[in-house]
Amino acid sequence: MMFNKVEICGVNTSKLPVMKEKEKKELLLRIKNGENGCREKFIEGNLRLVLSVIKRFNNRGADVDDLFQVGCIGLMKSIDNFDLSLNLRFSTYAVPMIIGEIRRYLRDDNSIRVSRSIRDIAYRALQVRDRLVNQDNKEPTISQIAKELELPREDVVLALDAIQNPVSLFQPIYHDGGDEIYVMDQIRDTKNSDDSWIENIAIKEGLKKLKDREKVILNMRFFDGKTQMEVADEIGISQAQVSRVEKNALKHIKKYI
């Protein structure tokens, strides 16, 4: 792929304008108000964004002119769907949209063919996903998408997996002169959430309130993975006593969670 070429789709990339964030917001507001000419000016001012994104696909063997055109479609969709009321940079919203458009194009053009029926389910799922994101301002679950499509959840998962291309979490996808945006920046961390962090603190505080024997038994049971019988043999009490101490300790900790 010739990414060092100056002219792409008749556009001289060396002369593309750079639009400041303040100017973007002003133009977006004028576009929403229906002012003629603002849309074309805004698109031209963000073609560098499209160019920056398509450079990340230089190992796919696709024609750069085709990717640029597809990326521009993603840019235009971003303009149509961007919500000015959200405290969000346009590039932060547009980059995933442009990437999604390019990836859909590459899936259609992929030499590894996926059956038409599975591909149709996947594309319908992606359309539903985009609609629900715009509607609720949050990422929908697979179950929600499956419900909208009136299909089993397993069918939706299978279809989406079939059209996925592996990508590194640390792959940079956009750089505007400041910090780079990586793939991992677009993925929500459901494991290390604020809720789990607070819950871990609560558990630690609860453990501090336990008696020494309770601490020992819980540590052996849940951190060392020993059975109640093994714990009983090691500390010299009956299994029934271990069970009773364990239950009381867990009941005590629950007060702090």
Protein backbone atom coordinates (compact mmCIF):
# COMPACT_ATOMS: atom_id res chain seq x y z
CA MET A 1 0.00 0.00 0.00
CA MET A 2 1.45 3.38 -1.01
CA PHE A 3 0.94 5.58 2.05
CA ASN A 4 3.81 7.85 1.08
CA LYS A 5 1.91 9.10 -1.98
CA VAL A 6 0.97 12.77 -1.81
CA GLU A 7 -2.25 12.63 -3.82
CA ILE A 8 -5.05 10.31 -2.64
CA CYS A 9 -8.37 10.27 -4.48
CA GLY A 10 -7.40 13.56 -6.11
CA VAL A 11 -6.66 15.20 -2.74
CA ASN A 12 -3.22 16.69 -2.14
CA THR A 13 -2.58 15.38 1.37
CA SER A 14 0.40 17.69 1.88
CA LYS A 15 -1.92 20.69 1.73
CA LEU A 16 -4.73 19.44 3.95
CA PRO A 17 -5.77 22.12 6.47
CA VAL A 18 -5.52 21.68 10.23
CA MET A 19 -8.68 22.62 12.12
CA LYS A 20 -8.55 23.67 15.77
CA GLU A 21 -10.98 22.21 18.29
CA LYS A 22 -12.75 25.54 18.84
CA GLU A 23 -13.33 25.95 15.10
CA LYS A 24 -14.66 22.37 14.93
CA LYS A 25 -17.26 23.08 17.60
CA GLU A 26 -18.37 26.29 15.92
CA LEU A 27 -18.72 24.60 12.53
CA LEU A 28 -20.56 21.60 13.99
CA LEU A 29 -23.07 23.95 15.59
CA ARG A 30 -23.59 25.73 12.27
CA ILE A 31 -23.98 22.37 10.51
CA LYS A 32 -26.67 21.34 13.01
CA ASN A 33 -28.41 24.65 12.28
CA GLY A 34 -28.45 23.80 8.58
CA GLU A 35 -26.00 26.42 7.28
CA ASN A 36 -24.93 25.66 3.71
CA GLY A 37 -21.25 25.07 2.97
CA CYS A 38 -20.26 24.36 6.57
CA ARG A 39 -20.41 20.60 6.14
CA GLU A 40 -17.97 20.58 3.21
CA LYS A 41 -15.58 22.87 5.08
CA PHE A 42 -15.73 20.66 8.16
CA ILE A 43 -15.07 17.48 6.14
CA GLU A 44 -12.08 19.08 4.42
CA GLY A 45 -10.74 20.23 7.79
CA ASN A 46 -10.87 16.68 9.16
CA LEU A 47 -9.41 14.74 6.24
CA ARG A 48 -6.12 14.54 8.15
CA LEU A 49 -8.02 12.54 10.75
CA VAL A 50 -9.09 10.03 8.08
CA LEU A 51 -5.54 9.90 6.71
CA SER A 52 -4.13 9.25 10.19
CA VAL A 53 -6.54 6.36 10.76
CA ILE A 54 -6.06 4.59 7.43
CA LYS A 55 -2.28 4.53 7.96
CA ARG A 56 -2.94 1.98 10.69
CA PHE A 57 -4.22 -0.47 8.07
CA ASN A 58 -1.06 -0.48 5.95
CA ASN A 59 -0.59 -4.25 6.37
CA ARG A 60 -3.97 -5.28 4.96
CA GLY A 61 -3.05 -5.12 1.27
CA ALA A 62 -5.96 -2.81 0.45
CA ASP A 63 -5.77 0.10 -1.97
CA VAL A 64 -5.12 3.38 -0.15
CA ASP A 65 -7.56 5.31 -2.35
CA ASP A 66 -10.34 2.85 -1.51
CA LEU A 67 -9.58 3.03 2.21
CA PHE A 68 -9.54 6.83 2.09
CA GLN A 69 -12.97 6.91 0.46
CA VAL A 70 -14.37 4.45 3.01
CA GLY A 71 -12.80 6.46 5.83
CA CYS A 72 -14.51 9.59 4.52
CA ILE A 73 -17.85 7.77 4.73
CA GLY A 74 -17.10 7.05 8.38
CA LEU A 75 -16.21 10.71 8.88
CA MET A 76 -19.52 11.85 7.39
CA LYS A 77 -21.46 9.40 9.55
CA SER A 78 -19.64 10.80 12.58
CA ILE A 79 -20.73 14.33 11.65
CA ASP A 80 -24.35 13.22 11.29
CA ASN A 81 -24.44 11.36 14.61
CA PHE A 82 -22.20 13.50 16.83
CA ASP A 83 -24.00 14.89 19.89
CA LEU A 84 -22.82 18.41 20.71
CA SER A 85 -24.33 18.21 24.19
CA LEU A 86 -21.72 15.62 25.19
CA ASN A 87 -18.44 16.88 26.62
CA LEU A 88 -16.42 14.99 24.03
CA ARG A 89 -13.80 15.86 21.42
CA PHE A 90 -15.03 15.16 17.90
CA SER A 91 -11.93 13.08 17.08
CA THR A 92 -12.56 10.82 20.09
CA TYR A 93 -16.01 10.03 18.70
CA ALA A 94 -15.05 9.93 15.03
CA VAL A 95 -11.99 7.65 15.19
CA PRO A 96 -13.91 4.48 16.26
CA MET A 97 -16.59 5.29 13.67
CA ILE A 98 -14.01 5.59 10.87
CA ILE A 99 -12.25 2.42 12.02
CA GLY A 100 -15.56 0.56 12.07
CA GLU A 101 -16.37 1.63 8.52
CA ILE A 102 -12.93 0.55 7.27
CA ARG A 103 -13.07 -2.79 9.08
CA ARG A 104 -16.48 -3.53 7.59
CA TYR A 105 -15.06 -2.79 4.14
CA LEU A 106 -12.06 -5.06 4.77
CA ARG A 107 -14.30 -7.86 5.99
CA ASP A 108 -16.31 -7.72 2.76
CA ASP A 109 -13.07 -7.70 0.78
CA ASN A 110 -11.43 -10.44 2.86
CA SER A 111 -10.11 -13.51 1.03
CA ILE A 112 -11.42 -15.67 3.90
CA ARG A 113 -15.08 -15.89 3.00
CA VAL A 114 -17.77 -15.99 5.66
CA SER A 115 -21.19 -17.31 4.65
CA ARG A 116 -23.62 -14.63 3.50
CA SER A 117 -26.19 -15.47 6.19
CA ILE A 118 -23.64 -15.13 9.02
CA ARG A 119 -22.27 -11.92 7.53
CA ASP A 120 -25.79 -10.50 7.25
CA ILE A 121 -26.47 -11.23 10.92
CA ALA A 122 -23.18 -9.58 11.87
CA TYR A 123 -23.88 -6.42 9.88
CA ARG A 124 -27.42 -6.19 11.24
CA ALA A 125 -25.97 -6.59 14.73
CA LEU A 126 -23.50 -3.76 14.07
CA GLN A 127 -26.31 -1.53 12.83
CA VAL A 128 -28.36 -2.26 15.94
CA ARG A 129 -25.29 -1.64 18.09
CA ASP A 130 -24.73 1.80 16.47
CA ARG A 131 -28.40 2.71 16.92
CA LEU A 132 -28.44 1.71 20.58
CA VAL A 133 -25.22 3.63 21.27
CA ASN A 134 -26.72 6.78 19.74
CA GLN A 135 -29.97 6.18 21.60
CA ASP A 136 -28.62 5.36 25.07
CA ASN A 137 -25.11 6.88 24.92
CA LYS A 138 -23.58 3.62 26.15
CA GLU A 139 -22.36 0.33 24.70
CA PRO A 140 -25.17 -2.27 24.48
CA THR A 141 -24.70 -5.86 25.61
CA ILE A 142 -24.80 -8.78 23.20
CA SER A 143 -28.04 -9.87 24.86
CA GLN A 144 -29.65 -6.51 24.09
CA ILE A 145 -28.55 -6.70 20.46
CA ALA A 146 -29.83 -10.28 20.18
CA LYS A 147 -33.19 -9.23 21.64
CA GLU A 148 -33.52 -6.41 19.09
CA LEU A 149 -32.75 -8.87 16.27
CA GLU A 150 -35.03 -11.55 17.77
CA LEU A 151 -32.18 -14.05 17.48
CA PRO A 152 -30.47 -16.37 19.98
CA ARG A 153 -27.53 -14.71 21.72
CA GLU A 154 -25.24 -17.51 20.52
CA ASP A 155 -26.03 -16.75 16.86
CA VAL A 156 -25.06 -13.09 17.31
CA VAL A 157 -21.81 -13.98 19.10
CA LEU A 158 -20.91 -16.48 16.36
CA ALA A 159 -21.62 -13.98 13.58
CA LEU A 160 -19.62 -11.16 15.17
CA ASP A 161 -16.69 -13.45 15.91
CA ALA A 162 -16.68 -14.68 12.31
CA ILE A 163 -16.00 -11.21 10.90
CA GLN A 164 -13.49 -10.07 13.51
CA ASN A 165 -9.86 -9.43 12.68
CA PRO A 166 -7.36 -9.73 15.55
CA VAL A 167 -5.72 -6.47 16.58
CA SER A 168 -3.25 -5.52 19.31
CA LEU A 169 -4.64 -3.58 22.27
CA PHE A 170 -1.56 -1.38 22.10
CA GLN A 171 -1.96 -0.49 18.43
CA PRO A 172 -2.15 3.32 18.08
CA ILE A 173 -5.13 4.40 16.02
CA TYR A 174 -4.91 8.20 16.05
CA HIS A 175 -2.41 10.93 16.87
CA ASP A 176 -3.26 14.64 16.73
CA GLY A 177 0.05 16.04 17.96
CA GLY A 178 -0.72 15.21 21.58
CA ASP A 179 -1.28 11.86 23.25
CA GLU A 180 -1.97 8.91 20.96
CA ILE A 181 -5.29 7.04 21.13
CA TYR A 182 -4.79 3.28 21.37
CA VAL A 183 -7.24 0.44 20.77
CA MET A 184 -7.27 -0.27 24.51
CA ASP A 185 -8.47 3.32 25.13
CA GLN A 186 -11.74 2.42 23.39
CA ILE A 187 -12.35 -0.66 25.54
CA ARG A 188 -14.08 -0.55 28.87
CA ASP A 189 -12.38 -2.28 31.82
CA THR A 190 -15.22 -4.25 33.42
CA LYS A 191 -12.96 -6.07 35.86
CA ASN A 192 -11.09 -3.20 37.49
CA SER A 193 -14.09 -0.93 37.91
CA ASP A 194 -14.69 1.54 40.73
CA ASP A 195 -17.26 -0.84 42.21
CA SER A 196 -14.82 -3.77 42.43
CA TRP A 197 -12.10 -1.48 43.81
CA ILE A 198 -14.41 -0.22 46.57
CA GLU A 199 -15.56 -3.78 47.29
CA ASN A 200 -11.95 -4.94 47.70
CA ILE A 201 -11.31 -2.14 50.18
CA ALA A 202 -14.45 -3.11 52.09
CA ILE A 203 -13.32 -6.75 52.28
CA LYS A 204 -9.90 -5.74 53.61
CA GLU A 205 -11.51 -3.53 56.25
CA GLY A 206 -13.84 -6.37 57.20
CA LEU A 207 -10.91 -8.77 57.61
CA LYS A 208 -9.25 -6.36 60.03
CA LYS A 209 -12.26 -6.65 62.34
CA LEU A 210 -12.05 -10.46 62.62
CA LYS A 211 -10.50 -12.42 65.44
CA ASP A 212 -7.12 -14.07 64.82
CA ARG A 213 -8.59 -17.57 64.46
CA GLU A 214 -11.19 -16.30 61.98
CA LYS A 215 -8.48 -14.61 59.91
CA VAL A 216 -6.37 -17.78 59.86
CA ILE A 217 -9.27 -20.00 58.81
CA LEU A 218 -10.47 -17.66 56.01
CA ASN A 219 -6.92 -17.24 54.75
CA MET A 220 -6.40 -21.02 54.61
CA ARG A 221 -9.81 -21.64 53.03
CA PHE A 222 -10.00 -18.90 50.38
CA PHE A 223 -6.41 -17.84 49.74
CA ASP A 224 -4.61 -21.16 50.19
CA GLY A 225 -7.52 -23.18 48.74
CA LYS A 226 -7.64 -25.77 51.52
CA THR A 227 -10.71 -27.83 52.43
CA GLN A 228 -12.42 -27.56 55.80
CA MET A 229 -11.03 -31.00 56.69
CA GLU A 230 -7.48 -29.91 55.84
CA VAL A 231 -7.87 -26.76 57.92
CA ALA A 232 -9.27 -28.77 60.86
CA ASP A 233 -6.35 -31.19 60.78
CA GLU A 234 -3.79 -28.39 60.60
CA ILE A 235 -5.05 -26.25 63.47
CA GLY A 236 -6.33 -29.12 65.62
CA ILE A 237 -10.11 -28.58 65.78
CA SER A 238 -13.09 -30.41 64.30
CA GLN A 239 -14.44 -29.77 60.80
CA ALA A 240 -17.73 -28.70 62.37
CA GLN A 241 -15.89 -26.01 64.34
CA VAL A 242 -14.09 -24.84 61.22
CA SER A 243 -17.41 -24.59 59.40
CA ARG A 244 -19.00 -22.64 62.23
CA VAL A 245 -16.10 -20.17 62.54
CA GLU A 246 -16.01 -19.71 58.77
CA LYS A 247 -19.73 -18.93 58.53
CA ASN A 248 -19.60 -16.45 61.39
CA ALA A 249 -16.55 -14.71 59.90
CA LEU A 250 -18.16 -14.38 56.46
CA LYS A 251 -21.34 -13.07 58.04
CA HIS A 252 -19.29 -10.47 59.88
CA ILE A 253 -17.43 -9.37 56.72
CA LYS A 254 -20.71 -8.91 54.80
CA LYS A 255 -21.57 -6.03 57.13
CA TYR A 256 -18.75 -4.04 55.52
CA ILE A 257 -19.64 -4.75 51.87
